[in-house]
Amino acid sequence: MAVEKPSNSAHPRPIPSLRWWIGGILFASTVINYIDRQTLSILAPFLKQDYHWTNVDYANIAIAFRIAYSVGQTVCGRVMDRVGTRRGLTISVTWYSIVSVLTSLANGLSSFALFRFLLGAGESANWPGASKAVSEWFPKRERGLAAALYDSGSSVGGAIAPFLILPVYLRWGWRIAFIIPGLLGFLWLMVWRRMYHLPQDHPRISDAERQMILAETQEAQTAGKPRLRWRDLLKLPQTWGTIISKALTDPVWFFITDWFPIYLVAKGISLKSGLLAVWVPFLAADLGNFFGGGVSGYLIRRGWSLGAARKALVVFGGVGVLLLIPTIFTANLYLITLLFALATFSYASFSTIANVLPTDLYHSDAVASVSGLSGTGAGIGTIIAFELIGHLSDARQASAVHSFDPIVIAAGLIPFVGMVLVLLLVRNTRATDQGLVRRI
């Protein structure tokens, strides 16, 4: 008589390289996040006509999002460190998916601003949450590539959005176009709730992968230091270097994502003929993310110190963004697209390092908090930038194709200044010897 084998249903088969599946889920979250926020910028040229908005009006709507997004990153980062990554991102995506659907009820400047404010509050947890997840699931040699993976979702989402949102708008109108990203968010939540657990608790992780991940994360936590408060974190030069790495680079990216269609129209380029150009900088940024993460990981494997490997990409990015400046001398669509693509490739390499710095420098119970602080710095910088962009572009409309020239020059120079400050502030100090931050 054959002996029945015991059921293995209580022990599901391990998923090979599970950490990269986790990275893929974080990537998908960022894609949806960016489709959601890009919906307004894609429809802005049409909504400006329908509702008779000036550039200042549009800037104020964008700023409503940025205010909530800026404050929310610091608050959500701290909350994420307290409630955990799984619960924190569940709350975040549920919130902004509901808001996205409700935006279809907007009927003017004030209601659009309100819904964008609420959307910014919900979406602000994405980067602190993703940074914390990377610190929980990846060893340091892979964190750069993992950060590149989830951060590349911003450029992929931005590239996909015109091809998803514009056809929906042209067929069914703008209200349905705002509902689509919200529905995608609810689909993502089903996968997230099923798939995300800590490595020590995950039922589908192999023993070898669990041991590999926990060996490093547990080693980093053996010092048993008390949780750092916000004021403790803000006393550290490494924290300010991390904040500046975002505050002086992200406004450039958000200028491109939120203003590029309007910029092309100001240059005398039809939005229909320039549709392909709108997504090329996003594709270049996607490649730049992986270049930054991959090259820094390669340098570490070649024996470079963690700090040197990260700073090499900071220099590459800070210098490369200067390529925005030559665009003021041309109205040729292909040349503008090429220069913006090279600049966003360089920006994304820098941005990948900015995203991974909290996981390199801080212990797990402070990663989301520092990531949130850097996001708030980026948000404040973006709010200031958007106010200036709106007023300068309206004031210089008589300059026609040159109305955005001062803005583009500033966008090229500011990340270079950020590069210099990051090199000076992110270093090993007495706090490193005391175990408050990790050695880099």
Protein backbone atom coordinates (compact mmCIF):
# COMPACT_ATOMS: atom_id res chain seq x y z
CA MET A 1 0.00 0.00 0.00
CA ALA A 2 1.43 3.36 -1.01
CA VAL A 3 2.18 5.78 1.78
CA GLU A 4 0.56 9.18 1.26
CA LYS A 5 3.07 12.01 1.32
CA PRO A 6 2.39 14.83 3.76
CA SER A 7 0.88 17.96 2.26
CA ASN A 8 3.25 20.89 1.66
CA SER A 9 0.41 23.41 1.57
CA ALA A 10 1.51 24.83 4.94
CA HIS A 11 4.95 25.56 3.48
CA PRO A 12 4.57 27.22 0.07
CA ARG A 13 7.39 26.81 -2.39
CA PRO A 14 10.02 29.59 -2.04
CA ILE A 15 10.17 32.21 -4.77
CA PRO A 16 13.73 32.51 -6.15
CA SER A 17 15.32 35.96 -5.65
CA LEU A 18 12.22 37.13 -3.84
CA ARG A 19 13.81 40.48 -2.96
CA TRP A 20 13.75 41.47 -6.64
CA TRP A 21 10.06 40.62 -6.87
CA ILE A 22 9.60 42.97 -3.91
CA GLY A 23 11.59 45.57 -5.85
CA GLY A 24 9.28 45.02 -8.81
CA ILE A 25 6.21 45.71 -6.68
CA LEU A 26 7.79 48.96 -5.44
CA PHE A 27 8.54 49.85 -9.07
CA ALA A 28 4.88 49.27 -10.00
CA SER A 29 3.76 51.51 -7.14
CA THR A 30 5.95 54.34 -8.44
CA VAL A 31 4.68 53.85 -12.01
CA ILE A 32 1.08 54.23 -10.86
CA ASN A 33 2.03 57.12 -8.59
CA TYR A 34 3.47 59.00 -11.56
CA ILE A 35 0.67 58.20 -13.97
CA ASP A 36 -1.62 59.63 -11.30
CA ARG A 37 0.28 62.88 -10.85
CA GLN A 38 1.11 63.28 -14.55
CA THR A 39 -2.55 63.20 -15.53
CA LEU A 40 -2.99 66.88 -14.68
CA SER A 41 0.18 68.08 -16.42
CA ILE A 42 -0.74 66.17 -19.60
CA LEU A 43 -4.23 67.67 -19.61
CA ALA A 44 -3.05 71.12 -18.50
CA PRO A 45 -2.92 72.70 -22.00
CA PHE A 46 -6.56 71.66 -22.54
CA LEU A 47 -7.80 72.51 -19.04
CA LYS A 48 -6.10 75.92 -19.25
CA GLN A 49 -8.24 76.69 -22.29
CA ASP A 50 -11.44 75.23 -20.82
CA TYR A 51 -11.12 77.07 -17.51
CA HIS A 52 -9.14 80.14 -18.72
CA TRP A 53 -6.22 79.53 -16.35
CA THR A 54 -3.01 81.56 -16.57
CA ASN A 55 0.38 79.98 -15.93
CA VAL A 56 0.18 81.42 -12.40
CA ASP A 57 -3.18 79.67 -11.88
CA TYR A 58 -1.71 76.37 -13.04
CA ALA A 59 1.38 76.93 -10.88
CA ASN A 60 -0.88 77.46 -7.85
CA ILE A 61 -2.67 74.16 -8.48
CA ALA A 62 0.71 72.42 -8.77
CA ILE A 63 1.90 74.17 -5.60
CA ALA A 64 -1.16 72.91 -3.67
CA PHE A 65 0.07 69.40 -4.45
CA ARG A 66 3.63 70.30 -3.51
CA ILE A 67 2.70 71.82 -0.13
CA ALA A 68 0.93 68.64 0.97
CA TYR A 69 3.61 66.47 -0.62
CA SER A 70 6.40 68.39 1.12
CA VAL A 71 4.93 68.35 4.62
CA GLY A 72 3.61 64.84 4.11
CA GLN A 73 7.00 63.31 3.35
CA THR A 74 8.44 64.22 6.74
CA VAL A 75 5.27 63.23 8.59
CA CYS A 76 4.75 60.02 6.60
CA GLY A 77 8.41 59.08 6.90
CA ARG A 78 8.18 59.17 10.68
CA VAL A 79 4.86 57.31 10.65
CA MET A 80 6.34 54.71 8.28
CA ASP A 81 9.17 54.04 10.74
CA ARG A 82 6.57 53.49 13.47
CA VAL A 83 3.81 51.48 11.75
CA GLY A 84 6.00 49.57 9.30
CA THR A 85 6.35 49.49 5.53
CA ARG A 86 3.47 47.12 4.75
CA ARG A 87 0.81 49.00 6.67
CA GLY A 88 2.19 52.44 5.81
CA LEU A 89 2.15 51.97 2.02
CA THR A 90 -1.27 50.30 2.22
CA ILE A 91 -2.70 53.45 3.84
CA SER A 92 -0.88 55.71 1.36
CA VAL A 93 -2.00 53.99 -1.85
CA THR A 94 -5.57 53.57 -0.61
CA TRP A 95 -5.72 57.30 0.16
CA TYR A 96 -4.40 58.62 -3.12
CA SER A 97 -6.33 56.13 -5.25
CA ILE A 98 -9.59 57.35 -3.70
CA VAL A 99 -8.55 60.98 -4.24
CA SER A 100 -7.66 60.30 -7.87
CA VAL A 101 -11.12 58.94 -8.55
CA LEU A 102 -12.74 61.88 -6.72
CA THR A 103 -10.78 64.40 -8.83
CA SER A 104 -13.23 63.64 -11.63
CA LEU A 105 -15.73 65.72 -9.63
CA ALA A 106 -13.60 68.91 -9.80
CA ASN A 107 -15.24 71.92 -11.47
CA GLY A 108 -12.77 74.80 -11.23
CA LEU A 109 -9.54 76.24 -9.90
CA SER A 110 -10.35 75.84 -6.19
CA SER A 111 -11.63 72.28 -6.40
CA PHE A 112 -8.68 71.18 -8.56
CA ALA A 113 -6.31 72.74 -6.01
CA LEU A 114 -8.10 70.94 -3.15
CA PHE A 115 -7.94 67.54 -4.81
CA ARG A 116 -4.28 68.04 -5.75
CA PHE A 117 -3.52 68.95 -2.14
CA LEU A 118 -5.16 65.72 -0.95
CA LEU A 119 -3.37 63.74 -3.66
CA GLY A 120 -0.01 65.15 -2.56
CA ALA A 121 -0.69 64.16 1.05
CA GLY A 122 -1.39 60.56 0.01
CA GLU A 123 1.44 60.18 -2.50
CA SER A 124 4.06 61.63 -0.14
CA ALA A 125 4.65 58.26 1.56
CA ASN A 126 5.82 56.47 -1.60
CA TRP A 127 9.54 57.35 -1.48
CA PRO A 128 10.04 57.05 2.32
CA GLY A 129 8.20 53.73 2.18
CA ALA A 130 10.19 52.43 -0.79
CA SER A 131 13.48 53.51 0.83
CA LYS A 132 12.55 51.68 4.02
CA ALA A 133 11.58 48.56 2.06
CA VAL A 134 14.97 48.60 0.29
CA SER A 135 16.77 48.86 3.65
CA GLU A 136 14.76 45.86 4.90
CA TRP A 137 15.26 43.64 1.85
CA PHE A 138 18.59 44.45 0.15
CA PRO A 139 22.29 44.26 1.11
CA LYS A 140 24.29 47.45 0.55
CA ARG A 141 25.91 46.23 -2.69
CA GLU A 142 22.42 45.92 -4.24
CA ARG A 143 20.68 48.92 -2.69
CA GLY A 144 21.73 51.29 -5.47
CA LEU A 145 20.21 49.04 -8.13
CA ALA A 146 17.10 48.43 -6.00
CA ALA A 147 16.64 52.18 -5.53
CA ALA A 148 17.13 52.63 -9.28
CA LEU A 149 14.44 50.04 -9.93
CA TYR A 150 11.73 51.69 -7.86
CA ASP A 151 12.79 55.23 -8.79
CA SER A 152 12.72 54.35 -12.50
CA GLY A 153 8.99 53.89 -12.06
CA SER A 154 8.71 57.68 -12.11
CA SER A 155 10.13 57.92 -15.63
CA VAL A 156 8.26 54.84 -16.85
CA GLY A 157 5.02 56.22 -15.41
CA GLY A 158 5.73 59.58 -16.99
CA ALA A 159 6.45 57.95 -20.35
CA ILE A 160 3.33 55.77 -20.26
CA ALA A 161 0.98 58.48 -19.03
CA PRO A 162 0.57 60.47 -22.31
CA PHE A 163 -0.30 57.31 -24.25
CA LEU A 164 -2.80 56.23 -21.60
CA ILE A 165 -4.33 59.55 -20.59
CA LEU A 166 -4.55 61.45 -23.91
CA PRO A 167 -6.56 58.76 -25.79
CA VAL A 168 -8.94 58.47 -22.83
CA TYR A 169 -9.34 62.25 -22.78
CA LEU A 170 -9.92 62.49 -26.51
CA ARG A 171 -12.56 59.75 -26.42
CA TRP A 172 -14.31 60.20 -23.06
CA GLY A 173 -13.13 63.53 -21.63
CA TRP A 174 -10.89 64.57 -18.76
CA ARG A 175 -13.09 63.27 -15.92
CA ILE A 176 -12.68 59.61 -16.93
CA ALA A 177 -8.95 60.24 -17.44
CA PHE A 178 -8.57 61.00 -13.73
CA ILE A 179 -10.41 57.83 -12.68
CA ILE A 180 -8.06 55.41 -14.51
CA PRO A 181 -4.96 55.86 -12.24
CA GLY A 182 -7.11 55.41 -9.13
CA LEU A 183 -8.34 52.05 -10.38
CA LEU A 184 -4.75 50.97 -11.06
CA GLY A 185 -3.88 51.82 -7.45
CA PHE A 186 -6.58 49.49 -6.12
CA LEU A 187 -5.26 46.65 -8.30
CA TRP A 188 -1.75 47.24 -6.93
CA LEU A 189 -3.01 47.02 -3.35
CA MET A 190 -4.23 43.46 -3.89
CA VAL A 191 -0.73 42.34 -4.90
CA TRP A 192 1.02 44.35 -2.18
CA ARG A 193 -1.07 42.94 0.68
CA ARG A 194 -0.41 39.42 -0.53
CA MET A 195 3.30 39.74 -1.29
CA TYR A 196 4.96 42.11 1.18
CA HIS A 197 6.23 40.87 4.55
CA LEU A 198 9.54 41.37 6.34
CA PRO A 199 12.26 38.88 5.30
CA GLN A 200 12.18 37.16 8.69
CA ASP A 201 8.42 36.60 8.39
CA HIS A 202 7.89 36.00 4.66
CA PRO A 203 6.41 32.55 3.89
CA ARG A 204 7.85 32.43 0.33
CA ILE A 205 11.50 33.32 0.95
CA SER A 206 14.25 30.68 0.73
CA ASP A 207 16.41 30.04 3.79
CA ALA A 208 19.56 31.09 1.91
CA GLU A 209 18.10 34.42 0.84
CA ARG A 210 16.68 35.08 4.31
CA GLN A 211 20.07 34.44 5.93
CA MET A 212 21.87 36.61 3.38
CA ILE A 213 19.54 39.56 3.99
CA LEU A 214 19.32 39.25 7.76
CA ALA A 215 23.07 38.79 8.22
CA GLU A 216 23.65 42.39 7.15
CA THR A 217 20.53 44.03 8.59
CA GLN A 218 20.96 42.39 11.99
CA GLU A 219 24.65 43.31 12.04
CA ALA A 220 23.68 46.95 11.43
CA GLN A 221 21.25 46.85 14.35
CA THR A 222 23.50 45.19 16.93
CA ALA A 223 24.69 48.51 18.33
CA GLY A 224 21.32 48.93 20.08
CA LYS A 225 21.34 52.71 19.80
CA PRO A 226 18.18 54.61 20.81
CA ARG A 227 15.89 55.91 18.07
CA LEU A 228 17.14 59.27 16.80
CA ARG A 229 14.67 62.15 17.11
CA TRP A 230 14.18 64.72 14.35
CA ARG A 231 16.33 67.26 16.17
CA ASP A 232 19.06 64.65 16.59
CA LEU A 233 18.97 63.85 12.90
CA LEU A 234 19.09 67.52 11.92
CA LYS A 235 22.31 68.02 13.89
CA LEU A 236 24.15 65.63 11.57
CA PRO A 237 25.88 66.95 8.40
CA GLN A 238 25.01 63.66 6.70
CA THR A 239 21.30 64.46 7.12
CA TRP A 240 21.75 67.87 5.51
CA GLY A 241 23.74 66.33 2.68
CA THR A 242 20.90 63.89 2.09
CA ILE A 243 18.32 66.69 2.18
CA ILE A 244 20.31 68.85 -0.26
CA SER A 245 20.79 65.92 -2.63
CA LYS A 246 17.03 66.03 -3.20
CA ALA A 247 16.25 69.71 -2.55
CA LEU A 248 18.57 70.98 -5.29
CA THR A 249 17.84 68.30 -7.89
CA ASP A 250 14.19 67.24 -7.69
CA PRO A 251 12.80 70.71 -8.59
CA VAL A 252 14.52 70.31 -11.98
CA TRP A 253 12.83 66.97 -12.53
CA PHE A 254 9.44 68.33 -11.51
CA PHE A 255 9.91 71.28 -13.84
CA ILE A 256 10.32 68.77 -16.67
CA THR A 257 7.44 66.50 -15.61
CA ASP A 258 4.93 69.28 -14.88
CA TRP A 259 5.99 72.00 -17.34
CA PHE A 260 7.57 70.29 -20.34
CA PRO A 261 4.39 70.25 -22.49
CA ILE A 262 3.83 73.96 -21.73
CA TYR A 263 7.52 74.64 -22.39
CA LEU A 264 7.30 73.00 -25.83
CA VAL A 265 4.22 75.06 -26.71
CA ALA A 266 6.10 78.22 -25.61
CA LYS A 267 8.88 77.22 -28.00
CA GLY A 268 6.34 77.19 -30.83
CA ILE A 269 6.10 73.39 -31.00
CA SER A 270 2.66 71.79 -31.38
CA LEU A 271 1.83 69.38 -28.55
CA LYS A 272 0.59 66.79 -31.07
CA SER A 273 3.81 66.90 -33.09
CA GLY A 274 5.84 66.95 -29.87
CA LEU A 275 4.06 64.02 -28.21
CA LEU A 276 6.99 61.65 -28.73
CA ALA A 277 9.37 64.28 -27.38
CA VAL A 278 7.36 64.43 -24.14
CA TRP A 279 8.25 60.87 -23.20
CA VAL A 280 11.88 60.76 -24.41
CA PRO A 281 13.28 62.56 -21.30
CA PHE A 282 11.38 60.06 -19.14
CA LEU A 283 12.93 57.13 -20.99
CA ALA A 284 16.37 58.72 -20.63
CA ALA A 285 15.77 59.18 -16.91
CA ASP A 286 14.80 55.52 -16.65
CA LEU A 287 18.11 54.50 -18.20
CA GLY A 288 19.93 56.97 -15.95
CA ASN A 289 18.41 55.37 -12.86
CA PHE A 290 19.83 51.98 -13.74
CA PHE A 291 23.13 53.47 -14.86
CA GLY A 292 23.54 55.18 -11.47
CA GLY A 293 22.54 52.13 -9.44
CA GLY A 294 24.42 49.65 -11.60
CA VAL A 295 27.67 51.59 -11.86
CA SER A 296 27.82 52.39 -8.14
CA GLY A 297 27.26 48.70 -7.34
CA TYR A 298 29.95 47.72 -9.86
CA LEU A 299 32.43 50.13 -8.27
CA ILE A 300 31.74 48.66 -4.82
CA ARG A 301 32.39 45.16 -6.15
CA ARG A 302 35.64 46.49 -7.67
CA GLY A 303 36.82 47.51 -4.21
CA TRP A 304 35.75 51.17 -4.06
CA SER A 305 34.49 52.38 -0.72
CA LEU A 306 30.74 52.86 -0.44
CA GLY A 307 31.15 56.65 -0.20
CA ALA A 308 33.47 56.93 -3.20
CA ALA A 309 31.20 54.77 -5.36
CA ARG A 310 28.16 56.88 -4.53
CA LYS A 311 29.94 60.25 -4.92
CA ALA A 312 31.30 59.34 -8.36
CA LEU A 313 27.72 59.22 -9.63
CA VAL A 314 26.84 62.45 -7.82
CA VAL A 315 29.61 64.21 -9.78
CA PHE A 316 28.47 62.64 -13.05
CA GLY A 317 24.90 63.81 -12.46
CA GLY A 318 25.73 67.32 -11.29
CA VAL A 319 27.87 68.00 -14.35
CA GLY A 320 25.49 66.33 -16.82
CA VAL A 321 22.44 68.43 -15.90
CA LEU A 322 24.32 71.50 -17.18
CA LEU A 323 23.32 70.28 -20.67
CA LEU A 324 19.92 71.90 -20.14
CA ILE A 325 21.48 75.33 -20.67
CA PRO A 326 22.24 75.00 -24.43
CA THR A 327 18.51 74.46 -25.13
CA ILE A 328 18.00 78.24 -24.85
CA PHE A 329 19.80 78.65 -28.18
CA THR A 330 17.46 76.48 -30.27
CA ALA A 331 13.80 75.87 -31.10
CA ASN A 332 14.58 72.63 -32.94
CA LEU A 333 12.41 69.87 -31.45
CA TYR A 334 14.98 67.10 -31.98
CA LEU A 335 17.89 69.01 -30.46
CA ILE A 336 15.79 70.12 -27.48
CA THR A 337 14.68 66.54 -26.96
CA LEU A 338 18.27 65.24 -27.14
CA LEU A 339 19.61 67.80 -24.63
CA PHE A 340 16.73 67.25 -22.22
CA ALA A 341 17.25 63.50 -22.53
CA LEU A 342 20.98 63.74 -21.70
CA ALA A 343 20.22 66.07 -18.79
CA THR A 344 17.50 63.82 -17.34
CA PHE A 345 19.77 60.78 -17.76
CA SER A 346 22.36 62.60 -15.64
CA TYR A 347 19.77 63.83 -13.15
CA ALA A 348 18.42 60.30 -12.67
CA SER A 349 21.91 58.93 -11.94
CA PHE A 350 22.27 61.59 -9.23
CA SER A 351 18.71 60.96 -8.01
CA THR A 352 19.32 57.23 -7.56
CA ILE A 353 22.19 58.01 -5.19
CA ALA A 354 20.06 60.61 -3.38
CA ASN A 355 17.39 57.95 -2.85
CA VAL A 356 19.82 55.35 -1.57
CA LEU A 357 21.77 57.64 0.80
CA PRO A 358 19.29 57.21 3.71
CA THR A 359 19.68 53.41 3.49
CA ASP A 360 23.49 53.75 3.29
CA LEU A 361 23.83 56.16 6.20
CA TYR A 362 21.09 55.32 8.71
CA HIS A 363 19.79 52.35 10.64
CA SER A 364 16.40 50.88 9.74
CA ASP A 365 14.43 52.80 12.38
CA ALA A 366 15.51 56.15 10.88
CA VAL A 367 15.63 55.42 7.13
CA ALA A 368 12.08 56.55 6.31
CA SER A 369 12.39 59.57 8.61
CA VAL A 370 15.50 60.85 6.81
CA SER A 371 14.05 59.98 3.42
CA GLY A 372 10.97 61.99 4.40
CA LEU A 373 13.07 64.98 5.48
CA SER A 374 14.88 64.94 2.14
CA GLY A 375 11.55 64.74 0.36
CA THR A 376 10.31 67.74 2.30
CA GLY A 377 13.44 69.64 1.28
CA ALA A 378 12.75 68.72 -2.34
CA GLY A 379 9.15 69.81 -1.96
CA ILE A 380 10.07 73.22 -0.54
CA GLY A 381 12.56 73.74 -3.36
CA THR A 382 9.92 72.75 -5.90
CA ILE A 383 7.29 75.09 -4.45
CA ILE A 384 9.71 78.01 -4.68
CA ALA A 385 10.68 76.97 -8.21
CA PHE A 386 7.06 76.64 -9.37
CA GLU A 387 6.15 80.09 -8.05
CA LEU A 388 9.09 81.59 -9.93
CA ILE A 389 8.33 79.58 -13.08
CA GLY A 390 4.71 80.70 -13.16
CA HIS A 391 5.47 84.38 -12.64
CA LEU A 392 8.56 84.52 -14.88
CA SER A 393 6.96 82.65 -17.77
CA ASP A 394 3.86 84.87 -17.67
CA ALA A 395 5.95 88.04 -17.33
CA ARG A 396 8.16 87.02 -20.26
CA GLN A 397 5.42 85.92 -22.67
CA ALA A 398 6.39 88.81 -24.96
CA SER A 399 9.77 87.06 -25.36
CA ALA A 400 7.97 84.24 -27.19
CA VAL A 401 10.31 81.25 -27.63
CA HIS A 402 12.72 82.68 -25.04
CA SER A 403 10.14 83.05 -22.23
CA PHE A 404 11.60 80.09 -20.31
CA ASP A 405 15.32 80.90 -20.83
CA PRO A 406 16.14 82.13 -17.26
CA ILE A 407 14.28 79.14 -15.82
CA VAL A 408 16.23 76.64 -17.93
CA ILE A 409 19.59 78.26 -17.04
CA ALA A 410 18.76 78.01 -13.32
CA ALA A 411 17.63 74.39 -13.80
CA GLY A 412 21.06 73.56 -15.21
CA LEU A 413 23.10 75.32 -12.53
CA ILE A 414 21.30 74.44 -9.28
CA PRO A 415 22.01 70.66 -9.33
CA PHE A 416 25.69 71.48 -9.87
CA VAL A 417 25.64 73.51 -6.64
CA GLY A 418 23.88 70.57 -4.98
CA MET A 419 26.65 68.25 -6.15
CA VAL A 420 29.32 70.40 -4.48
CA LEU A 421 27.41 70.54 -1.17
CA VAL A 422 26.76 66.78 -1.11
CA LEU A 423 30.48 66.09 -1.58
CA LEU A 424 31.25 68.35 1.38
CA LEU A 425 28.54 67.14 3.79
CA VAL A 426 28.27 63.39 3.23
CA ARG A 427 31.36 62.04 4.97
CA ASN A 428 32.44 60.03 8.00
CA THR A 429 32.38 62.13 11.18
CA ARG A 430 32.37 61.70 14.96
CA ALA A 431 28.74 60.60 14.69
CA THR A 432 29.98 57.71 12.53
CA ASP A 433 32.40 56.61 15.25
CA GLN A 434 29.59 56.86 17.81
CA GLY A 435 27.40 54.53 15.73
CA LEU A 436 24.73 57.17 15.07
CA VAL A 437 25.24 56.82 11.31
CA ARG A 438 26.82 54.10 9.23
CA ARG A 439 30.29 54.39 7.79
CA ILE A 440 30.33 55.37 4.14
